Amino acid sequence: MNPTSQKLIRGVCIYDIVSTIGMAVPGVSVLTIGLYASLHQSLGLGGQFPDFTPMHHMFVNCTGVLAFVWSIARMRSLDVFMVKCDIGARFFLSAVILYSTFAAGTSQIFLAFVATETIGAVLEIVALKKAAA
Protein backbone atom coordinates (compact mmCIF):
# COMPACT_ATOMS: atom_id res chain seq x y z
CA MET A 1 0.00 0.00 0.00
CA ASN A 2 1.38 3.42 -0.91
CA PRO A 3 2.22 6.06 1.75
CA THR A 4 -0.73 8.30 0.82
CA SER A 5 -3.21 5.45 1.28
CA GLN A 6 -1.55 4.45 4.55
CA LYS A 7 -1.83 8.03 5.87
CA LEU A 8 -5.51 8.18 4.94
CA ILE A 9 -6.28 4.87 6.64
CA ARG A 10 -4.24 5.81 9.73
CA GLY A 11 -6.22 9.06 9.91
CA VAL A 12 -9.49 7.11 9.95
CA CYS A 13 -8.06 4.82 12.66
CA ILE A 14 -6.98 7.79 14.79
CA TYR A 15 -10.44 9.33 14.46
CA ASP A 16 -11.97 6.01 15.55
CA ILE A 17 -9.69 5.84 18.60
CA VAL A 18 -10.50 9.39 19.66
CA SER A 19 -14.24 8.97 19.09
CA THR A 20 -14.57 5.63 20.90
CA ILE A 21 -12.25 6.04 23.89
CA GLY A 22 -15.05 7.81 25.77
CA MET A 23 -17.17 4.71 25.44
CA ALA A 24 -14.41 2.24 26.30
CA VAL A 25 -13.51 3.63 29.72
CA PRO A 26 -15.90 2.86 32.57
CA GLY A 27 -17.06 6.06 34.22
CA VAL A 28 -16.12 8.18 31.22
CA SER A 29 -18.81 6.37 29.25
CA VAL A 30 -21.40 7.64 31.74
CA LEU A 31 -20.35 11.19 30.83
CA THR A 32 -20.27 10.39 27.11
CA ILE A 33 -23.76 8.86 27.12
CA GLY A 34 -24.94 11.74 29.30
CA LEU A 35 -23.68 14.18 26.66
CA TYR A 36 -25.58 12.32 23.94
CA ALA A 37 -28.73 12.32 26.10
CA SER A 38 -28.39 16.06 26.73
CA LEU A 39 -27.93 16.77 23.03
CA HIS A 40 -30.92 14.58 22.20
CA GLN A 41 -33.09 16.54 24.63
CA SER A 42 -31.77 20.04 23.90
CA LEU A 43 -32.07 19.57 20.13
CA GLY A 44 -35.58 18.13 20.50
CA LEU A 45 -34.70 15.09 18.41
CA GLY A 46 -37.14 12.32 17.71
CA GLY A 47 -36.87 8.82 19.07
CA GLN A 48 -36.29 7.53 22.56
CA PHE A 49 -33.21 7.96 24.71
CA PRO A 50 -33.82 5.85 27.82
CA ASP A 51 -31.94 6.10 31.08
CA PHE A 52 -28.92 3.80 30.98
CA THR A 53 -28.51 1.15 33.62
CA PRO A 54 -25.15 -0.33 34.70
CA MET A 55 -25.80 -3.21 32.28
CA HIS A 56 -26.23 -0.76 29.37
CA HIS A 57 -22.95 0.89 30.32
CA MET A 58 -21.19 -2.48 30.44
CA PHE A 59 -22.22 -3.12 26.82
CA VAL A 60 -21.16 0.41 25.84
CA ASN A 61 -17.77 -0.26 27.48
CA CYS A 62 -17.38 -3.64 25.75
CA THR A 63 -18.24 -2.13 22.38
CA GLY A 64 -15.89 0.79 22.99
CA VAL A 65 -13.04 -1.56 23.91
CA LEU A 66 -13.64 -3.65 20.77
CA ALA A 67 -13.68 -0.55 18.56
CA PHE A 68 -10.51 0.75 20.23
CA VAL A 69 -8.64 -2.56 19.80
CA TRP A 70 -9.90 -2.97 16.22
CA SER A 71 -8.58 0.52 15.39
CA ILE A 72 -5.15 -0.26 16.85
CA ALA A 73 -5.04 -3.57 14.94
CA ARG A 74 -5.95 -1.84 11.66
CA MET A 75 -3.32 0.83 12.23
CA ARG A 76 -0.63 -1.79 12.90
CA SER A 77 -1.63 -4.03 10.00
CA LEU A 78 -2.37 -1.82 7.04
CA ASP A 79 -3.37 -4.48 4.57
CA VAL A 80 -6.17 -4.58 2.04
CA PHE A 81 -8.09 -7.34 3.81
CA MET A 82 -8.29 -5.38 7.09
CA VAL A 83 -9.43 -2.26 5.25
CA LYS A 84 -12.10 -4.18 3.34
CA CYS A 85 -13.34 -5.72 6.60
CA ASP A 86 -13.56 -2.27 8.13
CA ILE A 87 -15.46 -0.87 5.15
CA GLY A 88 -17.98 -3.70 5.42
CA ALA A 89 -18.30 -3.23 9.17
CA ARG A 90 -18.93 0.50 8.74
CA PHE A 91 -21.77 -0.08 6.27
CA PHE A 92 -23.23 -2.86 8.42
CA LEU A 93 -23.09 -0.67 11.54
CA SER A 94 -24.74 2.17 9.62
CA ALA A 95 -27.55 -0.20 8.56
CA VAL A 96 -28.07 -1.28 12.18
CA ILE A 97 -28.25 2.34 13.35
CA LEU A 98 -30.67 3.26 10.56
CA TYR A 99 -32.89 0.30 11.44
CA SER A 100 -32.76 1.13 15.14
CA THR A 101 -33.61 4.76 14.49
CA PHE A 102 -36.41 4.39 11.97
CA ALA A 103 -37.91 0.97 12.77
CA ALA A 104 -37.27 0.67 16.51
CA GLY A 105 -37.56 4.34 17.48
CA THR A 106 -34.17 5.03 19.09
CA SER A 107 -32.81 8.55 19.31
CA GLN A 108 -31.98 10.36 16.11
CA ILE A 109 -28.74 11.59 17.74
CA PHE A 110 -27.11 8.36 16.57
CA LEU A 111 -27.67 9.30 12.93
CA ALA A 112 -24.49 11.36 13.35
CA PHE A 113 -22.65 8.03 13.59
CA VAL A 114 -24.14 6.97 10.25
CA ALA A 115 -22.53 10.06 8.74
CA THR A 116 -19.13 9.44 10.33
CA GLU A 117 -19.18 5.73 9.49
CA THR A 118 -20.07 6.48 5.88
CA ILE A 119 -17.37 9.14 5.61
CA GLY A 120 -14.83 6.70 7.07
CA ALA A 121 -15.85 4.00 4.58
CA VAL A 122 -15.63 6.39 1.64
CA LEU A 123 -12.16 7.57 2.73
CA GLU A 124 -11.02 3.97 2.99
CA ILE A 125 -12.45 3.15 -0.44
CA VAL A 126 -10.53 6.11 -1.84
CA ALA A 127 -7.38 4.87 -0.10
CA LEU A 128 -7.79 1.40 -1.63
CA LYS A 129 -8.33 2.87 -5.10
CA LYS A 130 -5.19 4.98 -4.72
CA ALA A 131 -3.28 1.94 -3.54
CA ALA A 132 -4.44 -0.06 -6.57
CA ALA A 133 -3.51 2.69 -9.03
C-alpha atoms as a PDB file:
ATOM      1  CA  MET A   1       0.000   0.000   0.000  1.00  0.00           C
ATOM      2  CA  ASN A   2       1.381   3.419  -0.912  1.00  0.00           C
ATOM      3  CA  PRO A   3       2.222   6.056   1.755  1.00  0.00           C
ATOM      4  CA  THR A   4      -0.734   8.300   0.822  1.00  0.00           C
ATOM      5  CA  SER A   5      -3.212   5.453   1.284  1.00  0.00           C
ATOM      6  CA  GLN A   6      -1.549   4.447   4.548  1.00  0.00           C
ATOM      7  CA  LYS A   7      -1.835   8.026   5.870  1.00  0.00           C
ATOM      8  CA  LEU A   8      -5.510   8.176   4.942  1.00  0.00           C
ATOM      9  CA  ILE A   9      -6.281   4.872   6.644  1.00  0.00           C
ATOM     10  CA  ARG A  10      -4.241   5.809   9.733  1.00  0.00           C
ATOM     11  CA  GLY A  11      -6.224   9.056   9.910  1.00  0.00           C
ATOM     12  CA  VAL A  12      -9.489   7.111   9.954  1.00  0.00           C
ATOM     13  CA  CYS A  13      -8.060   4.821  12.661  1.00  0.00           C
ATOM     14  CA  ILE A  14      -6.983   7.788  14.793  1.00  0.00           C
ATOM     15  CA  TYR A  15     -10.442   9.335  14.463  1.00  0.00           C
ATOM     16  CA  ASP A  16     -11.970   6.015  15.550  1.00  0.00           C
ATOM     17  CA  ILE A  17      -9.692   5.838  18.598  1.00  0.00           C
ATOM     18  CA  VAL A  18     -10.500   9.394  19.663  1.00  0.00           C
ATOM     19  CA  SER A  19     -14.240   8.974  19.088  1.00  0.00           C
ATOM     20  CA  THR A  20     -14.566   5.633  20.902  1.00  0.00           C
ATOM     21  CA  ILE A  21     -12.247   6.041  23.894  1.00  0.00           C
ATOM     22  CA  GLY A  22     -15.052   7.812  25.766  1.00  0.00           C
ATOM     23  CA  MET A  23     -17.166   4.709  25.437  1.00  0.00           C
ATOM     24  CA  ALA A  24     -14.409   2.241  26.303  1.00  0.00           C
ATOM     25  CA  VAL A  25     -13.506   3.634  29.715  1.00  0.00           C
ATOM     26  CA  PRO A  26     -15.901   2.856  32.575  1.00  0.00           C
ATOM     27  CA  GLY A  27     -17.064   6.055  34.218  1.00  0.00           C
ATOM     28  CA  VAL A  28     -16.122   8.178  31.220  1.00  0.00           C
ATOM     29  CA  SER A  29     -18.811   6.367  29.248  1.00  0.00           C
ATOM     30  CA  VAL A  30     -21.398   7.643  31.744  1.00  0.00           C
ATOM     31  CA  LEU A  31     -20.345  11.192  30.833  1.00  0.00           C
ATOM     32  CA  THR A  32     -20.272  10.386  27.106  1.00  0.00           C
ATOM     33  CA  ILE A  33     -23.756   8.863  27.121  1.00  0.00           C
ATOM     34  CA  GLY A  34     -24.940  11.740  29.301  1.00  0.00           C
ATOM     35  CA  LEU A  35     -23.677  14.178  26.665  1.00  0.00           C
ATOM     36  CA  TYR A  36     -25.579  12.320  23.937  1.00  0.00           C
ATOM     37  CA  ALA A  37     -28.732  12.323  26.097  1.00  0.00           C
ATOM     38  CA  SER A  38     -28.393  16.064  26.734  1.00  0.00           C
ATOM     39  CA  LEU A  39     -27.933  16.767  23.033  1.00  0.00           C
ATOM     40  CA  HIS A  40     -30.923  14.580  22.203  1.00  0.00           C
ATOM     41  CA  GLN A  41     -33.088  16.542  24.630  1.00  0.00           C
ATOM     42  CA  SER A  42     -31.770  20.041  23.896  1.00  0.00           C
ATOM     43  CA  LEU A  43     -32.067  19.570  20.130  1.00  0.00           C
ATOM     44  CA  GLY A  44     -35.576  18.130  20.503  1.00  0.00           C
ATOM     45  CA  LEU A  45     -34.698  15.089  18.410  1.00  0.00           C
ATOM     46  CA  GLY A  46     -37.142  12.319  17.714  1.00  0.00           C
ATOM     47  CA  GLY A  47     -36.865   8.821  19.069  1.00  0.00           C
ATOM     48  CA  GLN A  48     -36.290   7.530  22.558  1.00  0.00           C
ATOM     49  CA  PHE A  49     -33.214   7.959  24.713  1.00  0.00           C
ATOM     50  CA  PRO A  50     -33.822   5.853  27.823  1.00  0.00           C
ATOM     51  CA  ASP A  51     -31.937   6.103  31.076  1.00  0.00           C
ATOM     52  CA  PHE A  52     -28.923   3.803  30.975  1.00  0.00           C
ATOM     53  CA  THR A  53     -28.509   1.150  33.616  1.00  0.00           C
ATOM     54  CA  PRO A  54     -25.154  -0.329  34.699  1.00  0.00           C
ATOM     55  CA  MET A  55     -25.801  -3.209  32.279  1.00  0.00           C
ATOM     56  CA  HIS A  56     -26.230  -0.761  29.370  1.00  0.00           C
ATOM     57  CA  HIS A  57     -22.952   0.888  30.319  1.00  0.00           C
ATOM     58  CA  MET A  58     -21.194  -2.482  30.442  1.00  0.00           C
ATOM     59  CA  PHE A  59     -22.222  -3.118  26.817  1.00  0.00           C
ATOM     60  CA  VAL A  60     -21.159   0.414  25.843  1.00  0.00           C
ATOM     61  CA  ASN A  61     -17.770  -0.262  27.481  1.00  0.00           C
ATOM     62  CA  CYS A  62     -17.381  -3.639  25.754  1.00  0.00           C
ATOM     63  CA  THR A  63     -18.242  -2.128  22.379  1.00  0.00           C
ATOM     64  CA  GLY A  64     -15.892   0.793  22.990  1.00  0.00           C
ATOM     65  CA  VAL A  65     -13.043  -1.558  23.908  1.00  0.00           C
ATOM     66  CA  LEU A  66     -13.643  -3.652  20.775  1.00  0.00           C
ATOM     67  CA  ALA A  67     -13.683  -0.555  18.564  1.00  0.00           C
ATOM     68  CA  PHE A  68     -10.509   0.747  20.229  1.00  0.00           C
ATOM     69  CA  VAL A  69      -8.638  -2.556  19.800  1.00  0.00           C
ATOM     70  CA  TRP A  70      -9.896  -2.972  16.218  1.00  0.00           C
ATOM     71  CA  SER A  71      -8.582   0.523  15.391  1.00  0.00           C
ATOM     72  CA  ILE A  72      -5.155  -0.259  16.847  1.00  0.00           C
ATOM     73  CA  ALA A  73      -5.035  -3.569  14.938  1.00  0.00           C
ATOM     74  CA  ARG A  74      -5.945  -1.836  11.665  1.00  0.00           C
ATOM     75  CA  MET A  75      -3.318   0.827  12.234  1.00  0.00           C
ATOM     76  CA  ARG A  76      -0.629  -1.788  12.899  1.00  0.00           C
ATOM     77  CA  SER A  77      -1.627  -4.033   9.995  1.00  0.00           C
ATOM     78  CA  LEU A  78      -2.370  -1.824   7.037  1.00  0.00           C
ATOM     79  CA  ASP A  79      -3.369  -4.480   4.568  1.00  0.00           C
ATOM     80  CA  VAL A  80      -6.168  -4.579   2.036  1.00  0.00           C
ATOM     81  CA  PHE A  81      -8.092  -7.340   3.812  1.00  0.00           C
ATOM     82  CA  MET A  82      -8.294  -5.377   7.094  1.00  0.00           C
ATOM     83  CA  VAL A  83      -9.434  -2.255   5.252  1.00  0.00           C
ATOM     84  CA  LYS A  84     -12.101  -4.177   3.338  1.00  0.00           C
ATOM     85  CA  CYS A  85     -13.337  -5.724   6.599  1.00  0.00           C
ATOM     86  CA  ASP A  86     -13.564  -2.268   8.133  1.00  0.00           C
ATOM     87  CA  ILE A  87     -15.462  -0.873   5.155  1.00  0.00           C
ATOM     88  CA  GLY A  88     -17.980  -3.703   5.416  1.00  0.00           C
ATOM     89  CA  ALA A  89     -18.298  -3.234   9.170  1.00  0.00           C
ATOM     90  CA  ARG A  90     -18.935   0.500   8.736  1.00  0.00           C
ATOM     91  CA  PHE A  91     -21.765  -0.077   6.271  1.00  0.00           C
ATOM     92  CA  PHE A  92     -23.232  -2.856   8.418  1.00  0.00           C
ATOM     93  CA  LEU A  93     -23.094  -0.670  11.539  1.00  0.00           C
ATOM     94  CA  SER A  94     -24.743   2.167   9.617  1.00  0.00           C
ATOM     95  CA  ALA A  95     -27.552  -0.197   8.563  1.00  0.00           C
ATOM     96  CA  VAL A  96     -28.068  -1.283  12.181  1.00  0.00           C
ATOM     97  CA  ILE A  97     -28.248   2.337  13.349  1.00  0.00           C
ATOM     98  CA  LEU A  98     -30.672   3.260  10.560  1.00  0.00           C
ATOM     99  CA  TYR A  99     -32.886   0.299  11.439  1.00  0.00           C
ATOM    100  CA  SER A 100     -32.764   1.129  15.144  1.00  0.00           C
ATOM    101  CA  THR A 101     -33.608   4.761  14.489  1.00  0.00           C
ATOM    102  CA  PHE A 102     -36.414   4.391  11.972  1.00  0.00           C
ATOM    103  CA  ALA A 103     -37.906   0.967  12.767  1.00  0.00           C
ATOM    104  CA  ALA A 104     -37.267   0.674  16.506  1.00  0.00           C
ATOM    105  CA  GLY A 105     -37.558   4.340  17.476  1.00  0.00           C
ATOM    106  CA  THR A 106     -34.169   5.029  19.087  1.00  0.00           C
ATOM    107  CA  SER A 107     -32.806   8.546  19.308  1.00  0.00           C
ATOM    108  CA  GLN A 108     -31.980  10.362  16.109  1.00  0.00           C
ATOM    109  CA  ILE A 109     -28.744  11.588  17.741  1.00  0.00           C
ATOM    110  CA  PHE A 110     -27.111   8.358  16.573  1.00  0.00           C
ATOM    111  CA  LEU A 111     -27.671   9.303  12.929  1.00  0.00           C
ATOM    112  CA  ALA A 112     -24.492  11.357  13.349  1.00  0.00           C
ATOM    113  CA  PHE A 113     -22.655   8.029  13.593  1.00  0.00           C
ATOM    114  CA  VAL A 114     -24.139   6.966  10.252  1.00  0.00           C
ATOM    115  CA  ALA A 115     -22.535  10.056   8.740  1.00  0.00           C
ATOM    116  CA  THR A 116     -19.127   9.445  10.331  1.00  0.00           C
ATOM    117  CA  GLU A 117     -19.177   5.726   9.493  1.00  0.00           C
ATOM    118  CA  THR A 118     -20.067   6.476   5.875  1.00  0.00           C
ATOM    119  CA  ILE A 119     -17.368   9.137   5.607  1.00  0.00           C
ATOM    120  CA  GLY A 120     -14.832   6.696   7.071  1.00  0.00           C
ATOM    121  CA  ALA A 121     -15.854   3.998   4.581  1.00  0.00           C
ATOM    122  CA  VAL A 122     -15.630   6.392   1.636  1.00  0.00           C
ATOM    123  CA  LEU A 123     -12.165   7.570   2.728  1.00  0.00           C
ATOM    124  CA  GLU A 124     -11.021   3.965   2.992  1.00  0.00           C
ATOM    125  CA  ILE A 125     -12.454   3.147  -0.438  1.00  0.00           C
ATOM    126  CA  VAL A 126     -10.534   6.111  -1.836  1.00  0.00           C
ATOM    127  CA  ALA A 127      -7.380   4.872  -0.105  1.00  0.00           C
ATOM    128  CA  LEU A 128      -7.794   1.401  -1.626  1.00  0.00           C
ATOM    129  CA  LYS A 129      -8.334   2.873  -5.098  1.00  0.00           C
ATOM    130  CA  LYS A 130      -5.190   4.983  -4.720  1.00  0.00           C
ATOM    131  CA  ALA A 131      -3.279   1.936  -3.541  1.00  0.00           C
ATOM    132  CA  ALA A 132      -4.443  -0.056  -6.567  1.00  0.00           C
ATOM    133  CA  ALA A 133      -3.506   2.686  -9.028  1.00  0.00           C
END
